[in-house]
Amino acid sequence: MNTYENKIITLKNKHFDLTVTNNTLSILSCDLSDETVHLLTNWRKMYSDFFTSKFNVSENRTKQWLEKNYIFKNDRILFLLILNGKKIGHIGIINYDKNNNSAEIDNVLRGNREDSTGIMETALLKILEIGFNDLHLAKFTLKVFNDNPKAISLYTKCGFTLVDSIPLTKILTPDGWNWSYSKKNNDFCEKYHDIMQITKEQFKNTRRIEKFDE
């Protein structure tokens, strides 16, 4: 087990509480409770168009996905976002790159949209702070569909900048489809993955946090 994995394991046992316009936002590692699996399954169904694949979603498949990709993986973490005791969404950190000392923000989703605005921006900024301070990363990247202006606006507000745009093609599957990287000319693709990034130095210069570990 390497140093980065040890840091992720430590994070999985931490709990972060923030105050957002008189609301309490808690950020902690995702669990495998029946409630969490049920919520994530429903969110996956409701917002399937924001994912790179569509398939027949079930609670059993959600639980297996959580176990395989987050719970039993020591190099990635999925944070649950809990507003005033109610689970409302999640944000993940995956794909650690040792050579560049970078990782990827993934699975940014607000499943419950009934309550206070600005929650996702606050949550993402906190998770970036955790990544740069606790994980000592030098850079974060992320992928977002180019036709998702609300998500792009969120990432831009948090300091991410566009560095590339990759054409995608839809591949049909027996129970849905996958968006895969395309070899077609960009002009003939209906969707793209915008690649965005933020460095530790860029985040530090926003001065959004009171303390920044060197």
N, C-alpha and C. Protein backbone atom coordinates (compact mmCIF):
# COMPACT_ATOMS: atom_id res chain seq x y z
N MET A 1 0.84 -1.20 0.00
CA MET A 1 0.00 0.00 0.00
C MET A 1 0.87 1.25 0.00
N ASN A 2 0.61 2.19 -0.94
CA ASN A 2 1.46 3.36 -1.04
C ASN A 2 0.95 4.51 -0.16
N THR A 3 1.71 5.60 -0.14
CA THR A 3 1.36 6.74 0.71
C THR A 3 0.02 7.34 0.34
N TYR A 4 -0.25 7.47 -0.96
CA TYR A 4 -1.53 8.04 -1.40
C TYR A 4 -2.70 7.20 -0.90
N GLU A 5 -2.59 5.89 -1.00
CA GLU A 5 -3.66 5.01 -0.54
C GLU A 5 -3.88 5.16 0.95
N ASN A 6 -2.81 5.31 1.70
CA ASN A 6 -2.95 5.53 3.15
C ASN A 6 -3.72 6.82 3.44
N LYS A 7 -3.45 7.84 2.64
CA LYS A 7 -4.15 9.11 2.83
C LYS A 7 -5.64 8.97 2.50
N ILE A 8 -5.96 8.20 1.45
CA ILE A 8 -7.37 7.98 1.10
C ILE A 8 -8.07 7.22 2.23
N ILE A 9 -7.41 6.21 2.78
CA ILE A 9 -8.00 5.43 3.88
C ILE A 9 -8.27 6.34 5.08
N THR A 10 -7.34 7.24 5.35
CA THR A 10 -7.54 8.20 6.45
C THR A 10 -8.74 9.08 6.16
N LEU A 11 -8.87 9.54 4.91
CA LEU A 11 -10.00 10.39 4.53
C LEU A 11 -11.34 9.67 4.70
N LYS A 12 -11.34 8.36 4.43
CA LYS A 12 -12.58 7.59 4.53
C LYS A 12 -13.10 7.51 5.96
N ASN A 13 -12.26 7.88 6.91
CA ASN A 13 -12.67 7.87 8.31
C ASN A 13 -12.86 9.27 8.87
N LYS A 14 -12.85 10.27 7.99
CA LYS A 14 -13.03 11.65 8.42
C LYS A 14 -14.44 12.14 8.10
N HIS A 15 -14.80 13.22 8.78
CA HIS A 15 -16.12 13.81 8.64
C HIS A 15 -15.94 15.32 8.63
N PHE A 16 -16.47 15.99 7.62
CA PHE A 16 -16.31 17.44 7.49
C PHE A 16 -17.68 18.10 7.57
N ASP A 17 -17.81 19.10 8.43
CA ASP A 17 -19.05 19.85 8.57
C ASP A 17 -18.82 21.31 8.20
N LEU A 18 -19.70 21.85 7.35
CA LEU A 18 -19.63 23.23 6.91
C LEU A 18 -20.97 23.91 7.17
N THR A 19 -20.93 25.21 7.37
CA THR A 19 -22.15 25.99 7.50
C THR A 19 -22.37 26.77 6.21
N VAL A 20 -23.54 26.56 5.60
CA VAL A 20 -23.86 27.22 4.33
C VAL A 20 -25.22 27.89 4.48
N THR A 21 -25.20 29.22 4.55
CA THR A 21 -26.44 30.00 4.71
C THR A 21 -27.39 29.38 5.74
N ASN A 22 -26.88 29.23 6.95
CA ASN A 22 -27.65 28.70 8.08
C ASN A 22 -28.01 27.23 7.94
N ASN A 23 -27.40 26.53 7.00
CA ASN A 23 -27.59 25.09 6.85
C ASN A 23 -26.29 24.37 7.17
N THR A 24 -26.39 23.14 7.61
CA THR A 24 -25.20 22.34 7.89
C THR A 24 -24.98 21.35 6.77
N LEU A 25 -23.84 21.46 6.11
CA LEU A 25 -23.45 20.54 5.05
C LEU A 25 -22.36 19.62 5.57
N SER A 26 -22.63 18.33 5.59
CA SER A 26 -21.66 17.34 6.03
C SER A 26 -21.12 16.59 4.82
N ILE A 27 -19.82 16.35 4.84
CA ILE A 27 -19.15 15.63 3.75
C ILE A 27 -18.40 14.45 4.36
N LEU A 28 -18.75 13.24 3.94
CA LEU A 28 -18.11 12.06 4.48
C LEU A 28 -18.15 10.94 3.45
N SER A 29 -17.34 9.93 3.68
CA SER A 29 -17.21 8.83 2.73
C SER A 29 -18.52 8.07 2.60
N CYS A 30 -18.81 7.65 1.37
CA CYS A 30 -20.04 6.93 1.08
C CYS A 30 -20.10 5.60 1.82
N ASP A 31 -21.30 5.20 2.21
CA ASP A 31 -21.51 3.93 2.90
C ASP A 31 -22.32 2.98 2.02
N LEU A 32 -22.56 1.78 2.54
CA LEU A 32 -23.31 0.77 1.79
C LEU A 32 -24.67 0.50 2.42
N SER A 33 -25.19 1.45 3.16
CA SER A 33 -26.49 1.26 3.80
C SER A 33 -27.58 1.11 2.74
N ASP A 34 -28.68 0.48 3.13
CA ASP A 34 -29.81 0.32 2.21
C ASP A 34 -30.31 1.68 1.72
N GLU A 35 -30.33 2.67 2.63
CA GLU A 35 -30.80 4.00 2.25
C GLU A 35 -29.92 4.62 1.17
N THR A 36 -28.60 4.52 1.36
CA THR A 36 -27.67 5.11 0.40
C THR A 36 -27.78 4.41 -0.95
N VAL A 37 -27.80 3.09 -0.95
CA VAL A 37 -27.90 2.35 -2.21
C VAL A 37 -29.20 2.69 -2.93
N HIS A 38 -30.29 2.80 -2.18
CA HIS A 38 -31.59 3.15 -2.77
C HIS A 38 -31.55 4.54 -3.39
N LEU A 39 -30.98 5.51 -2.67
CA LEU A 39 -30.90 6.87 -3.18
C LEU A 39 -30.05 6.95 -4.44
N LEU A 40 -28.85 6.35 -4.40
CA LEU A 40 -27.95 6.41 -5.55
C LEU A 40 -28.56 5.73 -6.77
N THR A 41 -29.31 4.67 -6.54
CA THR A 41 -29.99 3.99 -7.64
C THR A 41 -31.03 4.91 -8.28
N ASN A 42 -31.83 5.58 -7.46
CA ASN A 42 -32.84 6.49 -7.99
C ASN A 42 -32.21 7.67 -8.71
N TRP A 43 -31.12 8.23 -8.15
CA TRP A 43 -30.45 9.35 -8.80
C TRP A 43 -29.87 8.94 -10.14
N ARG A 44 -29.33 7.72 -10.20
CA ARG A 44 -28.75 7.23 -11.46
C ARG A 44 -29.82 7.12 -12.54
N LYS A 45 -31.02 6.71 -12.13
CA LYS A 45 -32.12 6.62 -13.07
C LYS A 45 -32.59 8.00 -13.51
N MET A 46 -32.71 8.93 -12.56
CA MET A 46 -33.24 10.25 -12.83
C MET A 46 -32.33 11.08 -13.74
N TYR A 47 -31.02 10.92 -13.55
CA TYR A 47 -30.07 11.78 -14.25
C TYR A 47 -29.14 10.98 -15.17
N SER A 48 -29.68 9.94 -15.78
CA SER A 48 -28.87 9.04 -16.61
C SER A 48 -28.19 9.75 -17.77
N ASP A 49 -28.81 10.82 -18.28
CA ASP A 49 -28.24 11.51 -19.44
C ASP A 49 -26.93 12.22 -19.11
N PHE A 50 -26.62 12.40 -17.84
CA PHE A 50 -25.38 13.08 -17.45
C PHE A 50 -24.22 12.10 -17.28
N PHE A 51 -24.47 10.81 -17.48
CA PHE A 51 -23.43 9.80 -17.33
C PHE A 51 -22.97 9.32 -18.70
N THR A 52 -21.80 8.69 -18.72
CA THR A 52 -21.26 8.21 -20.00
C THR A 52 -21.88 6.90 -20.45
N SER A 53 -22.69 6.28 -19.60
CA SER A 53 -23.35 5.03 -19.99
C SER A 53 -24.76 4.99 -19.44
N LYS A 54 -25.62 4.26 -20.14
CA LYS A 54 -26.99 4.05 -19.69
C LYS A 54 -27.28 2.56 -19.76
N PHE A 55 -27.90 2.05 -18.69
CA PHE A 55 -28.19 0.62 -18.61
C PHE A 55 -29.36 0.42 -17.66
N ASN A 56 -29.79 -0.81 -17.50
CA ASN A 56 -30.88 -1.13 -16.58
C ASN A 56 -30.36 -1.04 -15.14
N VAL A 57 -30.70 0.03 -14.47
CA VAL A 57 -30.19 0.28 -13.12
C VAL A 57 -31.00 -0.49 -12.09
N SER A 58 -30.29 -1.09 -11.14
CA SER A 58 -30.94 -1.79 -10.03
C SER A 58 -30.14 -1.54 -8.76
N GLU A 59 -30.76 -1.75 -7.62
CA GLU A 59 -30.05 -1.56 -6.36
C GLU A 59 -28.90 -2.55 -6.21
N ASN A 60 -29.07 -3.74 -6.72
CA ASN A 60 -27.99 -4.73 -6.65
C ASN A 60 -26.78 -4.27 -7.46
N ARG A 61 -27.03 -3.74 -8.66
CA ARG A 61 -25.93 -3.25 -9.51
C ARG A 61 -25.27 -2.02 -8.88
N THR A 62 -26.08 -1.16 -8.26
CA THR A 62 -25.51 0.01 -7.58
C THR A 62 -24.60 -0.42 -6.45
N LYS A 63 -25.03 -1.38 -5.65
CA LYS A 63 -24.21 -1.86 -4.54
C LYS A 63 -22.91 -2.47 -5.04
N GLN A 64 -23.00 -3.28 -6.10
CA GLN A 64 -21.79 -3.87 -6.67
C GLN A 64 -20.85 -2.81 -7.22
N TRP A 65 -21.42 -1.77 -7.85
CA TRP A 65 -20.61 -0.67 -8.38
C TRP A 65 -19.90 0.07 -7.26
N LEU A 66 -20.60 0.35 -6.18
CA LEU A 66 -19.98 1.02 -5.04
C LEU A 66 -18.84 0.19 -4.45
N GLU A 67 -19.09 -1.10 -4.28
CA GLU A 67 -18.07 -1.98 -3.70
C GLU A 67 -16.83 -2.04 -4.59
N LYS A 68 -17.06 -2.22 -5.88
CA LYS A 68 -15.95 -2.41 -6.82
C LYS A 68 -15.15 -1.14 -7.04
N ASN A 69 -15.85 0.00 -7.11
CA ASN A 69 -15.19 1.24 -7.53
C ASN A 69 -14.79 2.17 -6.39
N TYR A 70 -15.38 2.00 -5.21
CA TYR A 70 -15.07 2.94 -4.14
C TYR A 70 -14.83 2.28 -2.78
N ILE A 71 -15.77 1.50 -2.31
CA ILE A 71 -15.70 1.01 -0.93
C ILE A 71 -14.46 0.18 -0.69
N PHE A 72 -14.15 -0.73 -1.61
CA PHE A 72 -13.01 -1.63 -1.44
C PHE A 72 -11.80 -1.21 -2.29
N LYS A 73 -11.79 0.03 -2.74
CA LYS A 73 -10.64 0.56 -3.48
C LYS A 73 -9.94 1.58 -2.60
N ASN A 74 -8.64 1.38 -2.41
CA ASN A 74 -7.89 2.25 -1.51
C ASN A 74 -7.33 3.49 -2.18
N ASP A 75 -7.55 3.63 -3.49
CA ASP A 75 -6.99 4.79 -4.18
C ASP A 75 -8.07 5.74 -4.70
N ARG A 76 -9.32 5.57 -4.24
CA ARG A 76 -10.39 6.45 -4.65
C ARG A 76 -11.44 6.56 -3.55
N ILE A 77 -12.22 7.62 -3.62
CA ILE A 77 -13.22 7.86 -2.58
C ILE A 77 -14.43 8.55 -3.19
N LEU A 78 -15.61 8.18 -2.73
CA LEU A 78 -16.85 8.86 -3.10
C LEU A 78 -17.40 9.53 -1.85
N PHE A 79 -17.48 10.86 -1.88
CA PHE A 79 -18.01 11.62 -0.75
C PHE A 79 -19.52 11.76 -0.87
N LEU A 80 -20.22 11.48 0.21
CA LEU A 80 -21.64 11.78 0.29
C LEU A 80 -21.81 13.20 0.78
N LEU A 81 -22.78 13.91 0.24
CA LEU A 81 -23.10 15.27 0.67
C LEU A 81 -24.42 15.20 1.43
N ILE A 82 -24.39 15.66 2.67
CA ILE A 82 -25.56 15.56 3.55
C ILE A 82 -25.92 16.95 4.05
N LEU A 83 -27.11 17.42 3.69
CA LEU A 83 -27.56 18.75 4.05
C LEU A 83 -28.62 18.64 5.14
N ASN A 84 -28.30 19.19 6.31
CA ASN A 84 -29.23 19.13 7.46
C ASN A 84 -29.74 17.71 7.71
N GLY A 85 -28.83 16.74 7.61
CA GLY A 85 -29.17 15.35 7.88
C GLY A 85 -29.74 14.58 6.71
N LYS A 86 -29.95 15.24 5.56
CA LYS A 86 -30.53 14.59 4.39
C LYS A 86 -29.46 14.40 3.31
N LYS A 87 -29.32 13.17 2.82
CA LYS A 87 -28.37 12.89 1.76
C LYS A 87 -28.88 13.50 0.46
N ILE A 88 -28.04 14.36 -0.15
CA ILE A 88 -28.51 15.10 -1.33
C ILE A 88 -27.65 14.88 -2.58
N GLY A 89 -26.47 14.27 -2.44
CA GLY A 89 -25.62 14.12 -3.61
C GLY A 89 -24.29 13.49 -3.28
N HIS A 90 -23.38 13.52 -4.27
CA HIS A 90 -22.06 12.93 -4.05
C HIS A 90 -21.04 13.52 -5.01
N ILE A 91 -19.76 13.42 -4.62
CA ILE A 91 -18.63 13.84 -5.45
C ILE A 91 -17.49 12.85 -5.20
N GLY A 92 -16.85 12.37 -6.28
CA GLY A 92 -15.80 11.38 -6.14
C GLY A 92 -14.42 11.91 -6.52
N ILE A 93 -13.40 11.24 -6.02
CA ILE A 93 -12.01 11.46 -6.43
C ILE A 93 -11.47 10.12 -6.92
N ILE A 94 -11.02 10.07 -8.18
CA ILE A 94 -10.54 8.83 -8.78
C ILE A 94 -9.26 9.09 -9.58
N ASN A 95 -8.73 8.00 -10.15
CA ASN A 95 -7.65 8.05 -11.17
C ASN A 95 -6.43 8.84 -10.72
N TYR A 96 -5.85 8.45 -9.60
CA TYR A 96 -4.61 9.09 -9.15
C TYR A 96 -3.49 8.80 -10.15
N ASP A 97 -2.79 9.85 -10.55
CA ASP A 97 -1.66 9.75 -11.48
C ASP A 97 -0.40 10.12 -10.72
N LYS A 98 0.40 9.12 -10.40
CA LYS A 98 1.60 9.35 -9.60
C LYS A 98 2.60 10.26 -10.31
N ASN A 99 2.74 10.08 -11.63
CA ASN A 99 3.72 10.88 -12.39
C ASN A 99 3.43 12.38 -12.33
N ASN A 100 2.14 12.71 -12.38
CA ASN A 100 1.75 14.13 -12.35
C ASN A 100 1.23 14.56 -10.98
N ASN A 101 1.19 13.62 -10.05
CA ASN A 101 0.61 13.88 -8.72
C ASN A 101 -0.75 14.55 -8.86
N SER A 102 -1.59 13.94 -9.67
CA SER A 102 -2.92 14.50 -9.94
C SER A 102 -3.99 13.44 -9.74
N ALA A 103 -5.22 13.89 -9.64
CA ALA A 103 -6.37 12.98 -9.56
C ALA A 103 -7.53 13.62 -10.31
N GLU A 104 -8.61 12.86 -10.45
CA GLU A 104 -9.75 13.31 -11.23
C GLU A 104 -10.99 13.46 -10.34
N ILE A 105 -11.69 14.57 -10.48
CA ILE A 105 -12.99 14.75 -9.86
C ILE A 105 -14.01 14.00 -10.71
N ASP A 106 -14.86 13.22 -10.06
CA ASP A 106 -15.77 12.34 -10.81
C ASP A 106 -17.10 12.23 -10.07
N ASN A 107 -18.13 11.82 -10.79
CA ASN A 107 -19.44 11.56 -10.19
C ASN A 107 -19.95 12.73 -9.35
N VAL A 108 -19.89 13.92 -9.95
CA VAL A 108 -20.45 15.09 -9.28
C VAL A 108 -21.95 15.12 -9.58
N LEU A 109 -22.75 14.92 -8.54
CA LEU A 109 -24.19 14.84 -8.76
C LEU A 109 -24.95 15.34 -7.54
N ARG A 110 -25.90 16.22 -7.80
CA ARG A 110 -26.85 16.60 -6.77
C ARG A 110 -28.16 15.89 -7.06
N GLY A 111 -28.48 14.88 -6.27
CA GLY A 111 -29.68 14.09 -6.51
C GLY A 111 -30.94 14.75 -6.00
N ASN A 112 -30.85 15.41 -4.84
CA ASN A 112 -31.98 16.11 -4.25
C ASN A 112 -31.78 17.60 -4.47
N ARG A 113 -32.65 18.21 -5.24
CA ARG A 113 -32.47 19.61 -5.62
C ARG A 113 -33.52 20.53 -5.01
N GLU A 114 -34.12 20.08 -3.92
CA GLU A 114 -35.21 20.84 -3.32
C GLU A 114 -34.73 21.96 -2.41
N ASP A 115 -33.52 21.82 -1.88
CA ASP A 115 -33.09 22.73 -0.83
C ASP A 115 -32.16 23.82 -1.33
N SER A 116 -31.38 24.36 -0.41
CA SER A 116 -30.55 25.55 -0.62
C SER A 116 -29.68 25.49 -1.87
N THR A 117 -29.54 26.64 -2.53
CA THR A 117 -28.65 26.75 -3.69
C THR A 117 -27.22 27.00 -3.22
N GLY A 118 -26.26 26.80 -4.14
CA GLY A 118 -24.86 27.04 -3.81
C GLY A 118 -24.20 25.91 -3.07
N ILE A 119 -24.94 24.84 -2.82
CA ILE A 119 -24.39 23.72 -2.04
C ILE A 119 -23.29 23.01 -2.80
N MET A 120 -23.49 22.76 -4.09
CA MET A 120 -22.50 22.00 -4.85
C MET A 120 -21.20 22.77 -4.99
N GLU A 121 -21.29 24.08 -5.16
CA GLU A 121 -20.07 24.89 -5.24
C GLU A 121 -19.30 24.82 -3.93
N THR A 122 -20.01 24.97 -2.82
CA THR A 122 -19.36 24.89 -1.50
C THR A 122 -18.73 23.52 -1.29
N ALA A 123 -19.47 22.47 -1.65
CA ALA A 123 -18.97 21.12 -1.46
C ALA A 123 -17.74 20.84 -2.32
N LEU A 124 -17.81 21.24 -3.59
CA LEU A 124 -16.68 20.98 -4.48
C LEU A 124 -15.44 21.75 -4.04
N LEU A 125 -15.62 23.00 -3.64
CA LEU A 125 -14.47 23.77 -3.15
C LEU A 125 -13.84 23.11 -1.94
N LYS A 126 -14.67 22.59 -1.05
CA LYS A 126 -14.13 21.90 0.13
C LYS A 126 -13.37 20.65 -0.26
N ILE A 127 -13.89 19.90 -1.22
CA ILE A 127 -13.22 18.67 -1.64
C ILE A 127 -11.92 18.98 -2.37
N LEU A 128 -11.89 20.07 -3.13
CA LEU A 128 -10.62 20.50 -3.74
C LEU A 128 -9.61 20.85 -2.65
N GLU A 129 -10.07 21.56 -1.63
CA GLU A 129 -9.20 21.90 -0.51
C GLU A 129 -8.66 20.64 0.16
N ILE A 130 -9.52 19.66 0.36
CA ILE A 130 -9.10 18.39 0.95
C ILE A 130 -8.06 17.71 0.06
N GLY A 131 -8.28 17.73 -1.24
CA GLY A 131 -7.35 17.10 -2.17
C GLY A 131 -5.98 17.75 -2.15
N PHE A 132 -5.96 19.07 -2.11
CA PHE A 132 -4.67 19.77 -2.12
C PHE A 132 -4.00 19.75 -0.75
N ASN A 133 -4.78 19.80 0.33
CA ASN A 133 -4.19 19.83 1.67
C ASN A 133 -3.93 18.43 2.23
N ASP A 134 -4.96 17.58 2.22
CA ASP A 134 -4.84 16.27 2.86
C ASP A 134 -4.16 15.24 1.96
N LEU A 135 -4.46 15.28 0.67
CA LEU A 135 -3.84 14.33 -0.27
C LEU A 135 -2.57 14.89 -0.90
N HIS A 136 -2.32 16.18 -0.72
CA HIS A 136 -1.13 16.86 -1.26
C HIS A 136 -1.00 16.71 -2.77
N LEU A 137 -2.14 16.80 -3.46
CA LEU A 137 -2.12 16.72 -4.91
C LEU A 137 -1.64 18.03 -5.51
N ALA A 138 -1.11 17.94 -6.74
CA ALA A 138 -0.67 19.14 -7.45
C ALA A 138 -1.72 19.63 -8.44
N LYS A 139 -2.65 18.74 -8.82
CA LYS A 139 -3.62 19.12 -9.86
C LYS A 139 -4.84 18.21 -9.80
N PHE A 140 -5.99 18.78 -10.15
CA PHE A 140 -7.21 18.02 -10.38
C PHE A 140 -7.65 18.22 -11.82
N THR A 141 -8.17 17.16 -12.44
CA THR A 141 -8.81 17.24 -13.74
C THR A 141 -10.24 16.73 -13.60
N LEU A 142 -11.05 16.96 -14.62
CA LEU A 142 -12.39 16.38 -14.67
C LEU A 142 -12.86 16.35 -16.12
N LYS A 143 -13.87 15.51 -16.36
CA LYS A 143 -14.51 15.44 -17.68
C LYS A 143 -15.96 15.86 -17.52
N VAL A 144 -16.45 16.65 -18.48
CA VAL A 144 -17.85 17.09 -18.45
C VAL A 144 -18.36 17.16 -19.88
N PHE A 145 -19.60 16.74 -20.10
CA PHE A 145 -20.18 16.86 -21.44
C PHE A 145 -20.28 18.34 -21.83
N ASN A 146 -19.95 18.61 -23.08
CA ASN A 146 -19.95 20.01 -23.55
C ASN A 146 -21.36 20.60 -23.61
N ASP A 147 -22.40 19.75 -23.57
CA ASP A 147 -23.77 20.25 -23.61
C ASP A 147 -24.41 20.29 -22.22
N ASN A 148 -23.57 20.41 -21.20
CA ASN A 148 -24.05 20.51 -19.82
C ASN A 148 -23.59 21.85 -19.23
N PRO A 149 -24.23 22.96 -19.65
CA PRO A 149 -23.75 24.28 -19.24
C PRO A 149 -23.80 24.53 -17.74
N LYS A 150 -24.77 23.92 -17.06
CA LYS A 150 -24.87 24.14 -15.61
C LYS A 150 -23.65 23.57 -14.90
N ALA A 151 -23.21 22.38 -15.30
CA ALA A 151 -22.03 21.77 -14.69
C ALA A 151 -20.78 22.56 -15.04
N ILE A 152 -20.67 22.97 -16.30
CA ILE A 152 -19.50 23.75 -16.73
C ILE A 152 -19.42 25.05 -15.95
N SER A 153 -20.56 25.68 -15.71
CA SER A 153 -20.60 26.92 -14.93
C SER A 153 -20.11 26.68 -13.51
N LEU A 154 -20.55 25.57 -12.90
CA LEU A 154 -20.10 25.22 -11.55
C LEU A 154 -18.59 25.06 -11.50
N TYR A 155 -18.05 24.31 -12.44
CA TYR A 155 -16.61 24.05 -12.43
C TYR A 155 -15.81 25.33 -12.68
N THR A 156 -16.33 26.17 -13.55
CA THR A 156 -15.65 27.44 -13.82
C THR A 156 -15.64 28.33 -12.58
N LYS A 157 -16.76 28.38 -11.87
CA LYS A 157 -16.84 29.16 -10.64
C LYS A 157 -15.82 28.66 -9.60
N CYS A 158 -15.55 27.37 -9.63
CA CYS A 158 -14.61 26.78 -8.67
C CYS A 158 -13.15 26.89 -9.13
N GLY A 159 -12.92 27.48 -10.31
CA GLY A 159 -11.56 27.74 -10.76
C GLY A 159 -11.03 26.84 -11.84
N PHE A 160 -11.83 25.88 -12.32
CA PHE A 160 -11.38 24.99 -13.39
C PHE A 160 -11.34 25.75 -14.72
N THR A 161 -10.39 25.38 -15.56
CA THR A 161 -10.29 25.95 -16.89
C THR A 161 -10.28 24.83 -17.93
N LEU A 162 -10.78 25.14 -19.12
CA LEU A 162 -10.84 24.16 -20.21
C LEU A 162 -9.46 23.97 -20.81
N VAL A 163 -9.04 22.70 -20.96
CA VAL A 163 -7.73 22.41 -21.54
C VAL A 163 -7.82 21.54 -22.79
N ASP A 164 -8.97 20.88 -23.00
CA ASP A 164 -9.10 20.02 -24.18
C ASP A 164 -10.57 19.68 -24.39
N SER A 165 -10.90 19.21 -25.58
CA SER A 165 -12.25 18.77 -25.90
C SER A 165 -12.14 17.53 -26.77
N ILE A 166 -12.70 16.42 -26.30
CA ILE A 166 -12.54 15.13 -26.97
C ILE A 166 -13.86 14.68 -27.58
N PRO A 167 -13.89 14.39 -28.89
CA PRO A 167 -15.14 13.94 -29.53
C PRO A 167 -15.56 12.56 -29.03
N LEU A 168 -16.88 12.38 -28.93
CA LEU A 168 -17.44 11.13 -28.45
C LEU A 168 -18.41 10.56 -29.48
N THR A 169 -18.58 9.26 -29.42
CA THR A 169 -19.57 8.60 -30.26
C THR A 169 -20.40 7.67 -29.40
N LYS A 170 -21.69 7.55 -29.71
CA LYS A 170 -22.59 6.70 -28.91
C LYS A 170 -22.55 5.27 -29.43
N ILE A 171 -22.25 4.34 -28.54
CA ILE A 171 -22.22 2.91 -28.87
C ILE A 171 -23.41 2.25 -28.19
N LEU A 172 -24.29 1.66 -28.99
CA LEU A 172 -25.46 1.00 -28.43
C LEU A 172 -25.08 -0.32 -27.78
N THR A 173 -25.74 -0.63 -26.67
CA THR A 173 -25.52 -1.88 -25.94
C THR A 173 -26.88 -2.58 -25.78
N PRO A 174 -26.88 -3.84 -25.33
CA PRO A 174 -28.16 -4.56 -25.20
C PRO A 174 -29.19 -3.86 -24.31
N ASP A 175 -28.73 -3.13 -23.30
CA ASP A 175 -29.70 -2.47 -22.40
C ASP A 175 -29.49 -0.96 -22.29
N GLY A 176 -28.85 -0.37 -23.31
CA GLY A 176 -28.64 1.07 -23.27
C GLY A 176 -27.60 1.54 -24.26
N TRP A 177 -26.64 2.33 -23.77
CA TRP A 177 -25.58 2.84 -24.63
C TRP A 177 -24.38 3.29 -23.81
N ASN A 178 -23.25 3.47 -24.49
CA ASN A 178 -22.04 4.04 -23.90
C ASN A 178 -21.55 5.17 -24.80
N TRP A 179 -21.06 6.24 -24.18
CA TRP A 179 -20.35 7.27 -24.94
C TRP A 179 -18.87 6.94 -24.89
N SER A 180 -18.27 6.72 -26.07
CA SER A 180 -16.87 6.33 -26.16
C SER A 180 -16.10 7.36 -26.98
N TYR A 181 -14.79 7.43 -26.75
CA TYR A 181 -13.96 8.37 -27.50
C TYR A 181 -14.01 8.01 -28.98
N SER A 182 -14.13 9.03 -29.81
CA SER A 182 -14.34 8.83 -31.24
C SER A 182 -13.10 9.17 -32.04
N LYS A 183 -12.94 8.47 -33.18
CA LYS A 183 -11.85 8.78 -34.11
C LYS A 183 -12.35 9.66 -35.25
N LYS A 184 -13.63 10.02 -35.19
CA LYS A 184 -14.20 10.86 -36.24
C LYS A 184 -13.65 12.28 -36.15
N ASN A 185 -13.78 13.00 -37.24
CA ASN A 185 -13.47 14.41 -37.23
C ASN A 185 -14.42 15.13 -36.27
N ASN A 186 -13.92 16.08 -35.52
CA ASN A 186 -14.72 16.78 -34.52
C ASN A 186 -16.02 17.34 -35.07
N ASP A 187 -16.02 17.75 -36.34
CA ASP A 187 -17.19 18.38 -36.92
C ASP A 187 -18.38 17.43 -37.05
N PHE A 188 -18.13 16.12 -36.95
CA PHE A 188 -19.19 15.15 -37.18
C PHE A 188 -19.63 14.45 -35.90
N CYS A 189 -19.21 14.96 -34.75
CA CYS A 189 -19.58 14.33 -33.48
C CYS A 189 -20.67 15.15 -32.79
N GLU A 190 -21.64 14.45 -32.22
CA GLU A 190 -22.76 15.15 -31.58
C GLU A 190 -22.47 15.52 -30.14
N LYS A 191 -21.42 14.97 -29.53
CA LYS A 191 -21.13 15.26 -28.14
C LYS A 191 -19.63 15.19 -27.91
N TYR A 192 -19.17 15.96 -26.93
CA TYR A 192 -17.74 16.01 -26.61
C TYR A 192 -17.55 15.93 -25.10
N HIS A 193 -16.41 15.45 -24.71
CA HIS A 193 -15.97 15.54 -23.32
C HIS A 193 -15.05 16.75 -23.23
N ASP A 194 -15.48 17.77 -22.50
CA ASP A 194 -14.59 18.87 -22.19
C ASP A 194 -13.71 18.46 -21.03
N ILE A 195 -12.40 18.62 -21.19
CA ILE A 195 -11.45 18.29 -20.13
C ILE A 195 -11.06 19.60 -19.44
N MET A 196 -11.30 19.66 -18.14
CA MET A 196 -10.99 20.86 -17.37
C MET A 196 -10.00 20.51 -16.26
N GLN A 197 -9.27 21.51 -15.81
CA GLN A 197 -8.29 21.24 -14.75
C GLN A 197 -8.11 22.48 -13.86
N ILE A 198 -7.59 22.21 -12.67
CA ILE A 198 -7.18 23.27 -11.76
C ILE A 198 -5.94 22.78 -11.00
N THR A 199 -4.94 23.63 -10.91
CA THR A 199 -3.72 23.28 -10.19
C THR A 199 -3.80 23.77 -8.76
N LYS A 200 -2.92 23.24 -7.95
CA LYS A 200 -2.86 23.68 -6.55
C LYS A 200 -2.57 25.17 -6.47
N GLU A 201 -1.67 25.65 -7.32
CA GLU A 201 -1.30 27.05 -7.30
C GLU A 201 -2.48 27.92 -7.71
N GLN A 202 -3.24 27.49 -8.72
CA GLN A 202 -4.42 28.24 -9.15
C GLN A 202 -5.46 28.31 -8.04
N PHE A 203 -5.65 27.18 -7.37
CA PHE A 203 -6.63 27.14 -6.29
C PHE A 203 -6.19 28.01 -5.12
N LYS A 204 -4.90 27.93 -4.82
CA LYS A 204 -4.37 28.75 -3.73
C LYS A 204 -4.57 30.23 -4.02
N ASN A 205 -4.39 30.63 -5.26
CA ASN A 205 -4.49 32.04 -5.62
C ASN A 205 -5.92 32.58 -5.58
N THR A 206 -6.91 31.68 -5.53
CA THR A 206 -8.29 32.15 -5.40
C THR A 206 -8.56 32.67 -4.00
N ARG A 207 -7.71 32.24 -3.04
CA ARG A 207 -7.83 32.68 -1.64
C ARG A 207 -9.20 32.41 -1.07
N ARG A 208 -9.72 31.25 -1.42
CA ARG A 208 -11.05 30.86 -0.92
C ARG A 208 -10.96 30.20 0.46
N ILE A 209 -9.77 29.87 0.89
CA ILE A 209 -9.62 29.17 2.16
C ILE A 209 -8.66 29.94 3.05
N GLU A 210 -8.87 29.81 4.34
CA GLU A 210 -8.06 30.57 5.29
C GLU A 210 -6.69 29.95 5.49
N LYS A 211 -6.62 28.63 5.41
CA LYS A 211 -5.35 27.95 5.64
C LYS A 211 -5.03 27.08 4.45
N PHE A 212 -3.79 27.16 4.01
CA PHE A 212 -3.38 26.32 2.87
C PHE A 212 -2.04 25.71 3.19
N ASP A 213 -1.98 24.37 3.29
CA ASP A 213 -0.73 23.69 3.60
C ASP A 213 0.19 23.68 2.40
N GLU A 214 1.46 23.95 2.62
CA GLU A 214 2.44 23.90 1.55
C GLU A 214 2.99 22.49 1.43
